[in-house]
Amino acid sequence: MLFWSMNSSKTDRINQLFQLLEQSPDDSFILFAIANEYKGLNDFENASKWFLKLKVKDPGYTGLYFHYGKTLEALHKNIEAKNIYLEGIEMCTVKKDVKNLSELEFLLEDLSDRLESF
């Protein structure tokens, strides 16, 4: 269980998450949380690496595709982001995850519109 105060620094939280990961290396949520903490620090390179680890380990973790794609967009890797959105749409369709499916479809359309305008 994660216990930190609102005053904990993001670095402290990442360190706590790494400790939890040592105890539970198969916990997809911990991988997701680590990636999101890096994203919150605008460390998109590390965030991207952790989202990729999660995707390889647990491609059915549908919440990762939104955040992974947005991270790739922040790195100006728009084609990779588009592919992640497409993969996420496929996974959400299979898993019948309507909420994440809708969000990914919106992100894909928005990104596609922006890419066409160049």
PDB file of N, CA and C in Angstrom:
ATOM      1  N   MET A   1       0.835  -1.180   0.000  1.00  0.00           N
ATOM      2  CA  MET A   1       0.000   0.000   0.000  1.00  0.00           C
ATOM      3  C   MET A   1       0.877   1.241   0.000  1.00  0.00           C
ATOM      4  N   LEU A   2       0.507   2.240  -0.755  1.00  0.00           N
ATOM      5  CA  LEU A   2       1.269   3.473  -0.842  1.00  0.00           C
ATOM      6  C   LEU A   2       0.802   4.443   0.225  1.00  0.00           C
ATOM      7  N   PHE A   3       1.750   4.967   0.986  1.00  0.00           N
ATOM      8  CA  PHE A   3       1.431   5.953   2.008  1.00  0.00           C
ATOM      9  C   PHE A   3       2.420   7.093   1.897  1.00  0.00           C
ATOM     10  N   TRP A   4       1.957   8.217   1.387  1.00  0.00           N
ATOM     11  CA  TRP A   4       2.795   9.402   1.388  1.00  0.00           C
ATOM     12  C   TRP A   4       1.912  10.615   1.550  1.00  0.00           C
ATOM     13  N   SER A   5       2.508  11.621   2.065  1.00  0.00           N
ATOM     14  CA  SER A   5       1.731  12.838   2.281  1.00  0.00           C
ATOM     15  C   SER A   5       1.761  13.690   1.028  1.00  0.00           C
ATOM     16  N   MET A   6       0.882  14.678   1.004  1.00  0.00           N
ATOM     17  CA  MET A   6       0.856  15.602  -0.129  1.00  0.00           C
ATOM     18  C   MET A   6       2.151  16.405  -0.196  1.00  0.00           C
ATOM     19  N   ASN A   7       2.899  16.443   0.909  1.00  0.00           N
ATOM     20  CA  ASN A   7       4.154  17.195   0.945  1.00  0.00           C
ATOM     21  C   ASN A   7       5.339  16.360   0.480  1.00  0.00           C
ATOM     22  N   SER A   8       5.137  15.080   0.219  1.00  0.00           N
ATOM     23  CA  SER A   8       6.228  14.245  -0.269  1.00  0.00           C
ATOM     24  C   SER A   8       6.671  14.753  -1.636  1.00  0.00           C
ATOM     25  N   SER A   9       7.966  14.774  -1.838  1.00  0.00           N
ATOM     26  CA  SER A   9       8.454  15.183  -3.150  1.00  0.00           C
ATOM     27  C   SER A   9       8.247  14.040  -4.129  1.00  0.00           C
ATOM     28  N   LYS A  10       8.200  14.386  -5.388  1.00  0.00           N
ATOM     29  CA  LYS A  10       8.025  13.353  -6.407  1.00  0.00           C
ATOM     30  C   LYS A  10       9.192  12.378  -6.380  1.00  0.00           C
ATOM     31  N   THR A  11      10.393  12.865  -6.080  1.00  0.00           N
ATOM     32  CA  THR A  11      11.548  11.984  -5.991  1.00  0.00           C
ATOM     33  C   THR A  11      11.371  10.988  -4.851  1.00  0.00           C
ATOM     34  N   ASP A  12      10.855  11.458  -3.713  1.00  0.00           N
ATOM     35  CA  ASP A  12      10.571  10.557  -2.591  1.00  0.00           C
ATOM     36  C   ASP A  12       9.556   9.501  -3.001  1.00  0.00           C
ATOM     37  N   ARG A  13       8.524   9.920  -3.720  1.00  0.00           N
ATOM     38  CA  ARG A  13       7.490   8.978  -4.141  1.00  0.00           C
ATOM     39  C   ARG A  13       8.059   7.949  -5.111  1.00  0.00           C
ATOM     40  N   ILE A  14       8.906   8.395  -6.032  1.00  0.00           N
ATOM     41  CA  ILE A  14       9.525   7.448  -6.974  1.00  0.00           C
ATOM     42  C   ILE A  14      10.366   6.437  -6.201  1.00  0.00           C
ATOM     43  N   ASN A  15      11.139   6.912  -5.230  1.00  0.00           N
ATOM     44  CA  ASN A  15      11.956   5.999  -4.427  1.00  0.00           C
ATOM     45  C   ASN A  15      11.080   4.999  -3.679  1.00  0.00           C
ATOM     46  N   GLN A  16       9.969   5.462  -3.129  1.00  0.00           N
ATOM     47  CA  GLN A  16       9.045   4.556  -2.438  1.00  0.00           C
ATOM     48  C   GLN A  16       8.463   3.529  -3.415  1.00  0.00           C
ATOM     49  N   LEU A  17       8.152   3.986  -4.619  1.00  0.00           N
ATOM     50  CA  LEU A  17       7.609   3.069  -5.622  1.00  0.00           C
ATOM     51  C   LEU A  17       8.640   2.016  -6.026  1.00  0.00           C
ATOM     52  N   PHE A  18       9.901   2.408  -6.135  1.00  0.00           N
ATOM     53  CA  PHE A  18      10.947   1.428  -6.453  1.00  0.00           C
ATOM     54  C   PHE A  18      11.071   0.386  -5.343  1.00  0.00           C
ATOM     55  N   GLN A  19      10.926   0.822  -4.098  1.00  0.00           N
ATOM     56  CA  GLN A  19      10.948  -0.131  -2.984  1.00  0.00           C
ATOM     57  C   GLN A  19       9.780  -1.109  -3.095  1.00  0.00           C
ATOM     58  N   LEU A  20       8.611  -0.595  -3.424  1.00  0.00           N
ATOM     59  CA  LEU A  20       7.452  -1.464  -3.605  1.00  0.00           C
ATOM     60  C   LEU A  20       7.634  -2.414  -4.782  1.00  0.00           C
ATOM     61  N   LEU A  21       8.278  -1.922  -5.838  1.00  0.00           N
ATOM     62  CA  LEU A  21       8.512  -2.747  -7.017  1.00  0.00           C
ATOM     63  C   LEU A  21       9.426  -3.925  -6.681  1.00  0.00           C
ATOM     64  N   GLU A  22      10.404  -3.687  -5.805  1.00  0.00           N
ATOM     65  CA  GLU A  22      11.278  -4.788  -5.371  1.00  0.00           C
ATOM     66  C   GLU A  22      10.469  -5.873  -4.678  1.00  0.00           C
ATOM     67  N   GLN A  23       9.477  -5.461  -3.901  1.00  0.00           N
ATOM     68  CA  GLN A  23       8.638  -6.412  -3.164  1.00  0.00           C
ATOM     69  C   GLN A  23       7.608  -7.080  -4.060  1.00  0.00           C
ATOM     70  N   SER A  24       7.140  -6.373  -5.075  1.00  0.00           N
ATOM     71  CA  SER A  24       6.084  -6.873  -5.966  1.00  0.00           C
ATOM     72  C   SER A  24       6.432  -6.573  -7.418  1.00  0.00           C
ATOM     73  N   PRO A  25       7.419  -7.288  -7.967  1.00  0.00           N
ATOM     74  CA  PRO A  25       7.880  -6.960  -9.331  1.00  0.00           C
ATOM     75  C   PRO A  25       6.850  -7.196 -10.425  1.00  0.00           C
ATOM     76  N   ASP A  26       5.790  -7.930 -10.126  1.00  0.00           N
ATOM     77  CA  ASP A  26       4.770  -8.201 -11.148  1.00  0.00           C
ATOM     78  C   ASP A  26       3.565  -7.287 -11.045  1.00  0.00           C
ATOM     79  N   ASP A  27       3.650  -6.257 -10.217  1.00  0.00           N
ATOM     80  CA  ASP A  27       2.521  -5.360 -10.001  1.00  0.00           C
ATOM     81  C   ASP A  27       2.481  -4.284 -11.086  1.00  0.00           C
ATOM     82  N   SER A  28       1.532  -4.402 -11.986  1.00  0.00           N
ATOM     83  CA  SER A  28       1.414  -3.460 -13.105  1.00  0.00           C
ATOM     84  C   SER A  28       1.136  -2.038 -12.624  1.00  0.00           C
ATOM     85  N   PHE A  29       0.354  -1.911 -11.562  1.00  0.00           N
ATOM     86  CA  PHE A  29       0.045  -0.574 -11.071  1.00  0.00           C
ATOM     87  C   PHE A  29       1.300   0.161 -10.623  1.00  0.00           C
ATOM     88  N   ILE A  30       2.237  -0.540 -10.016  1.00  0.00           N
ATOM     89  CA  ILE A  30       3.475   0.116  -9.571  1.00  0.00           C
ATOM     90  C   ILE A  30       4.264   0.620 -10.778  1.00  0.00           C
ATOM     91  N   LEU A  31       4.355  -0.180 -11.828  1.00  0.00           N
ATOM     92  CA  LEU A  31       5.037   0.276 -13.052  1.00  0.00           C
ATOM     93  C   LEU A  31       4.348   1.516 -13.615  1.00  0.00           C
ATOM     94  N   PHE A  32       3.019   1.481 -13.636  1.00  0.00           N
ATOM     95  CA  PHE A  32       2.232   2.612 -14.123  1.00  0.00           C
ATOM     96  C   PHE A  32       2.488   3.849 -13.264  1.00  0.00           C
ATOM     97  N   ALA A  33       2.511   3.678 -11.959  1.00  0.00           N
ATOM     98  CA  ALA A  33       2.730   4.802 -11.042  1.00  0.00           C
ATOM     99  C   ALA A  33       4.129   5.392 -11.214  1.00  0.00           C
ATOM    100  N   ILE A  34       5.133   4.547 -11.400  1.00  0.00           N
ATOM    101  CA  ILE A  34       6.497   5.043 -11.622  1.00  0.00           C
ATOM    102  C   ILE A  34       6.536   5.876 -12.898  1.00  0.00           C
ATOM    103  N   ALA A  35       5.968   5.354 -13.963  1.00  0.00           N
ATOM    104  CA  ALA A  35       5.945   6.084 -15.233  1.00  0.00           C
ATOM    105  C   ALA A  35       5.246   7.431 -15.070  1.00  0.00           C
ATOM    106  N   ASN A  36       4.124   7.445 -14.362  1.00  0.00           N
ATOM    107  CA  ASN A  36       3.380   8.693 -14.168  1.00  0.00           C
ATOM    108  C   ASN A  36       4.129   9.683 -13.292  1.00  0.00           C
ATOM    109  N   GLU A  37       4.876   9.197 -12.321  1.00  0.00           N
ATOM    110  CA  GLU A  37       5.680  10.105 -11.499  1.00  0.00           C
ATOM    111  C   GLU A  37       6.755  10.783 -12.353  1.00  0.00           C
ATOM    112  N   TYR A  38       7.411  10.011 -13.211  1.00  0.00           N
ATOM    113  CA  TYR A  38       8.403  10.611 -14.119  1.00  0.00           C
ATOM    114  C   TYR A  38       7.736  11.605 -15.065  1.00  0.00           C
ATOM    115  N   LYS A  39       6.557  11.246 -15.548  1.00  0.00           N
ATOM    116  CA  LYS A  39       5.820  12.155 -16.431  1.00  0.00           C
ATOM    117  C   LYS A  39       5.511  13.463 -15.701  1.00  0.00           C
ATOM    118  N   GLY A  40       5.131  13.357 -14.444  1.00  0.00           N
ATOM    119  CA  GLY A  40       4.840  14.542 -13.634  1.00  0.00           C
ATOM    120  C   GLY A  40       6.050  15.423 -13.397  1.00  0.00           C
ATOM    121  N   LEU A  41       7.233  14.831 -13.505  1.00  0.00           N
ATOM    122  CA  LEU A  41       8.481  15.597 -13.382  1.00  0.00           C
ATOM    123  C   LEU A  41       8.937  16.147 -14.730  1.00  0.00           C
ATOM    124  N   ASN A  42       8.133  15.919 -15.757  1.00  0.00           N
ATOM    125  CA  ASN A  42       8.492  16.270 -17.145  1.00  0.00           C
ATOM    126  C   ASN A  42       9.746  15.535 -17.607  1.00  0.00           C
ATOM    127  N   ASP A  43      10.012  14.381 -17.000  1.00  0.00           N
ATOM    128  CA  ASP A  43      11.104  13.505 -17.423  1.00  0.00           C
ATOM    129  C   ASP A  43      10.481  12.474 -18.354  1.00  0.00           C
ATOM    130  N   PHE A  44      10.199  12.939 -19.562  1.00  0.00           N
ATOM    131  CA  PHE A  44       9.448  12.125 -20.501  1.00  0.00           C
ATOM    132  C   PHE A  44      10.238  10.931 -21.023  1.00  0.00           C
ATOM    133  N   GLU A  45      11.556  11.041 -21.063  1.00  0.00           N
ATOM    134  CA  GLU A  45      12.378   9.900 -21.492  1.00  0.00           C
ATOM    135  C   GLU A  45      12.202   8.730 -20.532  1.00  0.00           C
ATOM    136  N   ASN A  46      12.362   8.988 -19.233  1.00  0.00           N
ATOM    137  CA  ASN A  46      12.188   7.915 -18.255  1.00  0.00           C
ATOM    138  C   ASN A  46      10.739   7.452 -18.196  1.00  0.00           C
ATOM    139  N   ALA A  47       9.807   8.372 -18.292  1.00  0.00           N
ATOM    140  CA  ALA A  47       8.395   7.981 -18.295  1.00  0.00           C
ATOM    141  C   ALA A  47       8.129   7.021 -19.449  1.00  0.00           C
ATOM    142  N   SER A  48       8.642   7.358 -20.621  1.00  0.00           N
ATOM    143  CA  SER A  48       8.439   6.527 -21.797  1.00  0.00           C
ATOM    144  C   SER A  48       9.009   5.118 -21.583  1.00  0.00           C
ATOM    145  N   LYS A  49      10.183   5.032 -20.985  1.00  0.00           N
ATOM    146  CA  LYS A  49      10.807   3.728 -20.732  1.00  0.00           C
ATOM    147  C   LYS A  49       9.941   2.876 -19.805  1.00  0.00           C
ATOM    148  N   TRP A  50       9.372   3.507 -18.778  1.00  0.00           N
ATOM    149  CA  TRP A  50       8.552   2.753 -17.825  1.00  0.00           C
ATOM    150  C   TRP A  50       7.198   2.380 -18.413  1.00  0.00           C
ATOM    151  N   PHE A  51       6.627   3.258 -19.235  1.00  0.00           N
ATOM    152  CA  PHE A  51       5.389   2.887 -19.914  1.00  0.00           C
ATOM    153  C   PHE A  51       5.639   1.711 -20.857  1.00  0.00           C
ATOM    154  N   LEU A  52       6.773   1.715 -21.537  1.00  0.00           N
ATOM    155  CA  LEU A  52       7.102   0.608 -22.433  1.00  0.00           C
ATOM    156  C   LEU A  52       7.261  -0.693 -21.644  1.00  0.00           C
ATOM    157  N   LYS A  53       7.948  -0.630 -20.489  1.00  0.00           N
ATOM    158  CA  LYS A  53       8.084  -1.832 -19.655  1.00  0.00           C
ATOM    159  C   LYS A  53       6.709  -2.379 -19.285  1.00  0.00           C
ATOM    160  N   LEU A  54       5.801  -1.479 -18.917  1.00  0.00           N
ATOM    161  CA  LEU A  54       4.461  -1.913 -18.549  1.00  0.00           C
ATOM    162  C   LEU A  54       3.750  -2.520 -19.751  1.00  0.00           C
ATOM    163  N   LYS A  55       3.863  -1.897 -20.903  1.00  0.00           N
ATOM    164  CA  LYS A  55       3.186  -2.386 -22.110  1.00  0.00           C
ATOM    165  C   LYS A  55       3.680  -3.780 -22.472  1.00  0.00           C
ATOM    166  N   VAL A  56       4.986  -4.005 -22.353  1.00  0.00           N
ATOM    167  CA  VAL A  56       5.557  -5.324 -22.659  1.00  0.00           C
ATOM    168  C   VAL A  56       5.065  -6.353 -21.637  1.00  0.00           C
ATOM    169  N   LYS A  57       5.063  -5.968 -20.376  1.00  0.00           N
ATOM    170  CA  LYS A  57       4.670  -6.882 -19.304  1.00  0.00           C
ATOM    171  C   LYS A  57       3.169  -7.158 -19.286  1.00  0.00           C
ATOM    172  N   ASP A  58       2.370  -6.104 -19.505  1.00  0.00           N
ATOM    173  CA  ASP A  58       0.922  -6.229 -19.345  1.00  0.00           C
ATOM    174  C   ASP A  58       0.193  -5.378 -20.386  1.00  0.00           C
ATOM    175  N   PRO A  59       0.165  -5.830 -21.640  1.00  0.00           N
ATOM    176  CA  PRO A  59      -0.473  -5.023 -22.690  1.00  0.00           C
ATOM    177  C   PRO A  59      -1.968  -4.819 -22.465  1.00  0.00           C
ATOM    178  N   GLY A  60      -2.570  -5.596 -21.595  1.00  0.00           N
ATOM    179  CA  GLY A  60      -3.981  -5.448 -21.300  1.00  0.00           C
ATOM    180  C   GLY A  60      -4.288  -4.366 -20.280  1.00  0.00           C
ATOM    181  N   TYR A  61      -3.263  -3.696 -19.772  1.00  0.00           N
ATOM    182  CA  TYR A  61      -3.442  -2.596 -18.818  1.00  0.00           C
ATOM    183  C   TYR A  61      -3.817  -1.366 -19.640  1.00  0.00           C
ATOM    184  N   THR A  62      -5.093  -1.238 -19.920  1.00  0.00           N
ATOM    185  CA  THR A  62      -5.555  -0.278 -20.931  1.00  0.00           C
ATOM    186  C   THR A  62      -5.300   1.182 -20.574  1.00  0.00           C
ATOM    187  N   GLY A  63      -5.186   1.506 -19.300  1.00  0.00           N
ATOM    188  CA  GLY A  63      -4.944   2.885 -18.908  1.00  0.00           C
ATOM    189  C   GLY A  63      -3.586   3.413 -19.334  1.00  0.00           C
ATOM    190  N   LEU A  64      -2.674   2.525 -19.667  1.00  0.00           N
ATOM    191  CA  LEU A  64      -1.328   2.978 -20.019  1.00  0.00           C
ATOM    192  C   LEU A  64      -1.276   3.667 -21.376  1.00  0.00           C
ATOM    193  N   TYR A  65      -2.141   3.302 -22.300  1.00  0.00           N
ATOM    194  CA  TYR A  65      -2.020   3.795 -23.675  1.00  0.00           C
ATOM    195  C   TYR A  65      -2.240   5.305 -23.781  1.00  0.00           C
ATOM    196  N   PHE A  66      -3.181   5.831 -23.039  1.00  0.00           N
ATOM    197  CA  PHE A  66      -3.425   7.271 -23.021  1.00  0.00           C
ATOM    198  C   PHE A  66      -2.159   8.001 -22.567  1.00  0.00           C
ATOM    199  N   HIS A  67      -1.632   7.611 -21.423  1.00  0.00           N
ATOM    200  CA  HIS A  67      -0.492   8.308 -20.835  1.00  0.00           C
ATOM    201  C   HIS A  67       0.797   8.071 -21.621  1.00  0.00           C
ATOM    202  N   TYR A  68       0.967   6.862 -22.140  1.00  0.00           N
ATOM    203  CA  TYR A  68       2.153   6.559 -22.944  1.00  0.00           C
ATOM    204  C   TYR A  68       2.129   7.389 -24.221  1.00  0.00           C
ATOM    205  N   GLY A  69       0.985   7.459 -24.869  1.00  0.00           N
ATOM    206  CA  GLY A  69       0.882   8.256 -26.092  1.00  0.00           C
ATOM    207  C   GLY A  69       1.150   9.730 -25.840  1.00  0.00           C
ATOM    208  N   LYS A  70       0.564  10.279 -24.770  1.00  0.00           N
ATOM    209  CA  LYS A  70       0.792  11.685 -24.441  1.00  0.00           C
ATOM    210  C   LYS A  70       2.271  11.937 -24.124  1.00  0.00           C
ATOM    211  N   THR A  71       2.922  10.975 -23.492  1.00  0.00           N
ATOM    212  CA  THR A  71       4.350  11.097 -23.201  1.00  0.00           C
ATOM    213  C   THR A  71       5.150  11.124 -24.495  1.00  0.00           C
ATOM    214  N   LEU A  72       4.810  10.260 -25.423  1.00  0.00           N
ATOM    215  CA  LEU A  72       5.498  10.252 -26.713  1.00  0.00           C
ATOM    216  C   LEU A  72       5.262  11.557 -27.474  1.00  0.00           C
ATOM    217  N   GLU A  73       4.052  12.086 -27.373  1.00  0.00           N
ATOM    218  CA  GLU A  73       3.791  13.386 -27.999  1.00  0.00           C
ATOM    219  C   GLU A  73       4.683  14.463 -27.384  1.00  0.00           C
ATOM    220  N   ALA A  74       4.861  14.430 -26.080  1.00  0.00           N
ATOM    221  CA  ALA A  74       5.716  15.412 -25.408  1.00  0.00           C
ATOM    222  C   ALA A  74       7.162  15.304 -25.887  1.00  0.00           C
ATOM    223  N   LEU A  75       7.549  14.112 -26.327  1.00  0.00           N
ATOM    224  CA  LEU A  75       8.894  13.885 -26.873  1.00  0.00           C
ATOM    225  C   LEU A  75       8.941  14.158 -28.379  1.00  0.00           C
ATOM    226  N   HIS A  76       7.843  14.647 -28.932  1.00  0.00           N
ATOM    227  CA  HIS A  76       7.718  14.930 -30.366  1.00  0.00           C
ATOM    228  C   HIS A  76       7.865  13.669 -31.217  1.00  0.00           C
ATOM    229  N   LYS A  77       7.434  12.550 -30.649  1.00  0.00           N
ATOM    230  CA  LYS A  77       7.431  11.274 -31.358  1.00  0.00           C
ATOM    231  C   LYS A  77       5.988  10.968 -31.746  1.00  0.00           C
ATOM    232  N   ASN A  78       5.466  11.803 -32.634  1.00  0.00           N
ATOM    233  CA  ASN A  78       4.042  11.761 -32.951  1.00  0.00           C
ATOM    234  C   ASN A  78       3.609  10.494 -33.681  1.00  0.00           C
ATOM    235  N   ILE A  79       4.446   9.973 -34.548  1.00  0.00           N
ATOM    236  CA  ILE A  79       4.079   8.739 -35.256  1.00  0.00           C
ATOM    237  C   ILE A  79       4.027   7.577 -34.270  1.00  0.00           C
ATOM    238  N   GLU A  80       4.995   7.521 -33.349  1.00  0.00           N
ATOM    239  CA  GLU A  80       4.968   6.479 -32.318  1.00  0.00           C
ATOM    240  C   GLU A  80       3.737   6.637 -31.427  1.00  0.00           C
ATOM    241  N   ALA A  81       3.405   7.872 -31.098  1.00  0.00           N
ATOM    242  CA  ALA A  81       2.217   8.128 -30.275  1.00  0.00           C
ATOM    243  C   ALA A  81       0.971   7.635 -31.003  1.00  0.00           C
ATOM    244  N   LYS A  82       0.885   7.934 -32.281  1.00  0.00           N
ATOM    245  CA  LYS A  82      -0.269   7.486 -33.070  1.00  0.00           C
ATOM    246  C   LYS A  82      -0.382   5.967 -33.040  1.00  0.00           C
ATOM    247  N   ASN A  83       0.743   5.290 -33.170  1.00  0.00           N
ATOM    248  CA  ASN A  83       0.732   3.821 -33.137  1.00  0.00           C
ATOM    249  C   ASN A  83       0.311   3.292 -31.769  1.00  0.00           C
ATOM    250  N   ILE A  84       0.731   3.966 -30.703  1.00  0.00           N
ATOM    251  CA  ILE A  84       0.321   3.560 -29.354  1.00  0.00           C
ATOM    252  C   ILE A  84      -1.181   3.749 -29.196  1.00  0.00           C
ATOM    253  N   TYR A  85      -1.708   4.870 -29.681  1.00  0.00           N
ATOM    254  CA  TYR A  85      -3.155   5.085 -29.611  1.00  0.00           C
ATOM    255  C   TYR A  85      -3.900   3.985 -30.372  1.00  0.00           C
ATOM    256  N   LEU A  86      -3.396   3.621 -31.547  1.00  0.00           N
ATOM    257  CA  LEU A  86      -4.034   2.561 -32.329  1.00  0.00           C
ATOM    258  C   LEU A  86      -3.997   1.225 -31.590  1.00  0.00           C
ATOM    259  N   GLU A  87      -2.846   0.905 -30.991  1.00  0.00           N
ATOM    260  CA  GLU A  87      -2.743  -0.332 -30.213  1.00  0.00           C
ATOM    261  C   GLU A  87      -3.707  -0.300 -29.027  1.00  0.00           C
ATOM    262  N   GLY A  88      -3.789   0.844 -28.380  1.00  0.00           N
ATOM    263  CA  GLY A  88      -4.683   0.987 -27.241  1.00  0.00           C
ATOM    264  C   GLY A  88      -6.139   0.834 -27.644  1.00  0.00           C
ATOM    265  N   ILE A  89      -6.501   1.405 -28.786  1.00  0.00           N
ATOM    266  CA  ILE A  89      -7.872   1.275 -29.288  1.00  0.00           C
ATOM    267  C   ILE A  89      -8.200  -0.200 -29.533  1.00  0.00           C
ATOM    268  N   GLU A  90      -7.261  -0.899 -30.123  1.00  0.00           N
ATOM    269  CA  GLU A  90      -7.464  -2.335 -30.370  1.00  0.00           C
ATOM    270  C   GLU A  90      -7.627  -3.096 -29.044  1.00  0.00           C
ATOM    271  N   MET A  91      -6.768  -2.815 -28.072  1.00  0.00           N
ATOM    272  CA  MET A  91      -6.834  -3.511 -26.786  1.00  0.00           C
ATOM    273  C   MET A  91      -8.126  -3.173 -26.047  1.00  0.00           C
ATOM    274  N   CYS A  92      -8.503  -1.895 -26.065  1.00  0.00           N
ATOM    275  CA  CYS A  92      -9.736  -1.484 -25.386  1.00  0.00           C
ATOM    276  C   CYS A  92     -10.962  -2.112 -26.029  1.00  0.00           C
ATOM    277  N   THR A  93     -10.929  -2.278 -27.336  1.00  0.00           N
ATOM    278  CA  THR A  93     -12.030  -2.931 -28.048  1.00  0.00           C
ATOM    279  C   THR A  93     -12.143  -4.383 -27.598  1.00  0.00           C
ATOM    280  N   VAL A  94     -11.007  -5.068 -27.541  1.00  0.00           N
ATOM    281  CA  VAL A  94     -10.996  -6.469 -27.109  1.00  0.00           C
ATOM    282  C   VAL A  94     -11.489  -6.594 -25.670  1.00  0.00           C
ATOM    283  N   LYS A  95     -11.039  -5.690 -24.812  1.00  0.00           N
ATOM    284  CA  LYS A  95     -11.379  -5.762 -23.387  1.00  0.00           C
ATOM    285  C   LYS A  95     -12.705  -5.072 -23.053  1.00  0.00           C
ATOM    286  N   LYS A  96     -13.329  -4.488 -24.068  1.00  0.00           N
ATOM    287  CA  LYS A  96     -14.603  -3.778 -23.884  1.00  0.00           C
ATOM    288  C   LYS A  96     -14.481  -2.658 -22.846  1.00  0.00           C
ATOM    289  N   ASP A  97     -13.358  -1.945 -22.917  1.00  0.00           N
ATOM    290  CA  ASP A  97     -13.099  -0.804 -22.022  1.00  0.00           C
ATOM    291  C   ASP A  97     -13.548   0.466 -22.745  1.00  0.00           C
ATOM    292  N   VAL A  98     -14.818   0.781 -22.600  1.00  0.00           N
ATOM    293  CA  VAL A  98     -15.456   1.863 -23.355  1.00  0.00           C
ATOM    294  C   VAL A  98     -14.869   3.229 -22.992  1.00  0.00           C
ATOM    295  N   LYS A  99     -14.612   3.474 -21.721  1.00  0.00           N
ATOM    296  CA  LYS A  99     -14.097   4.779 -21.293  1.00  0.00           C
ATOM    297  C   LYS A  99     -12.736   5.067 -21.934  1.00  0.00           C
ATOM    298  N   ASN A 100     -11.789   4.151 -21.779  1.00  0.00           N
ATOM    299  CA  ASN A 100     -10.465   4.378 -22.352  1.00  0.00           C
ATOM    300  C   ASN A 100     -10.507   4.361 -23.873  1.00  0.00           C
ATOM    301  N   LEU A 101     -11.374   3.549 -24.438  1.00  0.00           N
ATOM    302  CA  LEU A 101     -11.530   3.516 -25.894  1.00  0.00           C
ATOM    303  C   LEU A 101     -11.935   4.887 -26.416  1.00  0.00           C
ATOM    304  N   SER A 102     -12.921   5.493 -25.784  1.00  0.00           N
ATOM    305  CA  SER A 102     -13.398   6.808 -26.202  1.00  0.00           C
ATOM    306  C   SER A 102     -12.287   7.855 -26.110  1.00  0.00           C
ATOM    307  N   GLU A 103     -11.542   7.836 -25.019  1.00  0.00           N
ATOM    308  CA  GLU A 103     -10.454   8.806 -24.842  1.00  0.00           C
ATOM    309  C   GLU A 103      -9.364   8.618 -25.895  1.00  0.00           C
ATOM    310  N   LEU A 104      -9.024   7.369 -26.185  1.00  0.00           N
ATOM    311  CA  LEU A 104      -7.984   7.103 -27.183  1.00  0.00           C
ATOM    312  C   LEU A 104      -8.433   7.490 -28.584  1.00  0.00           C
ATOM    313  N   GLU A 105      -9.694   7.246 -28.898  1.00  0.00           N
ATOM    314  CA  GLU A 105     -10.210   7.655 -30.204  1.00  0.00           C
ATOM    315  C   GLU A 105     -10.133   9.169 -30.362  1.00  0.00           C
ATOM    316  N   PHE A 106     -10.461   9.898 -29.297  1.00  0.00           N
ATOM    317  CA  PHE A 106     -10.365  11.356 -29.333  1.00  0.00           C
ATOM    318  C   PHE A 106      -8.915  11.793 -29.540  1.00  0.00           C
ATOM    319  N   LEU A 107      -7.984  11.201 -28.782  1.00  0.00           N
ATOM    320  CA  LEU A 107      -6.573  11.570 -28.908  1.00  0.00           C
ATOM    321  C   LEU A 107      -6.038  11.260 -30.299  1.00  0.00           C
ATOM    322  N   LEU A 108      -6.436  10.117 -30.842  1.00  0.00           N
ATOM    323  CA  LEU A 108      -5.986   9.739 -32.183  1.00  0.00           C
ATOM    324  C   LEU A 108      -6.500  10.730 -33.219  1.00  0.00           C
ATOM    325  N   GLU A 109      -7.761  11.084 -33.129  1.00  0.00           N
ATOM    326  CA  GLU A 109      -8.336  12.044 -34.076  1.00  0.00           C
ATOM    327  C   GLU A 109      -7.646  13.404 -33.966  1.00  0.00           C
ATOM    328  N   ASP A 110      -7.430  13.855 -32.741  1.00  0.00           N
ATOM    329  CA  ASP A 110      -6.765  15.144 -32.507  1.00  0.00           C
ATOM    330  C   ASP A 110      -5.347  15.129 -33.069  1.00  0.00           C
ATOM    331  N   LEU A 111      -4.603  14.075 -32.775  1.00  0.00           N
ATOM    332  CA  LEU A 111      -3.226  13.970 -33.276  1.00  0.00           C
ATOM    333  C   LEU A 111      -3.205  13.890 -34.793  1.00  0.00           C
ATOM    334  N   SER A 112      -4.101  13.105 -35.348  1.00  0.00           N
ATOM    335  CA  SER A 112      -4.167  12.970 -36.816  1.00  0.00           C
ATOM    336  C   SER A 112      -4.466  14.312 -37.466  1.00  0.00           C
ATOM    337  N   ASP A 113      -5.376  15.078 -36.882  1.00  0.00           N
ATOM    338  CA  ASP A 113      -5.687  16.412 -37.403  1.00  0.00           C
ATOM    339  C   ASP A 113      -4.464  17.313 -37.357  1.00  0.00           C
ATOM    340  N   ARG A 114      -3.733  17.252 -36.247  1.00  0.00           N
ATOM    341  CA  ARG A 114      -2.534  18.102 -36.114  1.00  0.00           C
ATOM    342  C   ARG A 114      -1.439  17.678 -37.097  1.00  0.00           C
ATOM    343  N   LEU A 115      -1.300  16.377 -37.334  1.00  0.00           N
ATOM    344  CA  LEU A 115      -0.279  15.908 -38.261  1.00  0.00           C
ATOM    345  C   LEU A 115      -0.638  16.295 -39.706  1.00  0.00           C
ATOM    346  N   GLU A 116      -1.913  16.289 -40.020  1.00  0.00           N
ATOM    347  CA  GLU A 116      -2.359  16.665 -41.371  1.00  0.00           C
ATOM    348  C   GLU A 116      -2.165  18.144 -41.638  1.00  0.00           C
ATOM    349  N   SER A 117      -2.168  18.947 -40.586  1.00  0.00           N
ATOM    350  CA  SER A 117      -2.060  20.385 -40.779  1.00  0.00           C
ATOM    351  C   SER A 117      -0.623  20.838 -41.074  1.00  0.00           C
ATOM    352  N   PHE A 118       0.313  19.894 -40.973  1.00  0.00           N
ATOM    353  CA  PHE A 118       1.726  20.266 -41.275  1.00  0.00           C
ATOM    354  C   PHE A 118       2.046  20.068 -42.709  1.00  0.00           C
TER     355      PHE A 118
END
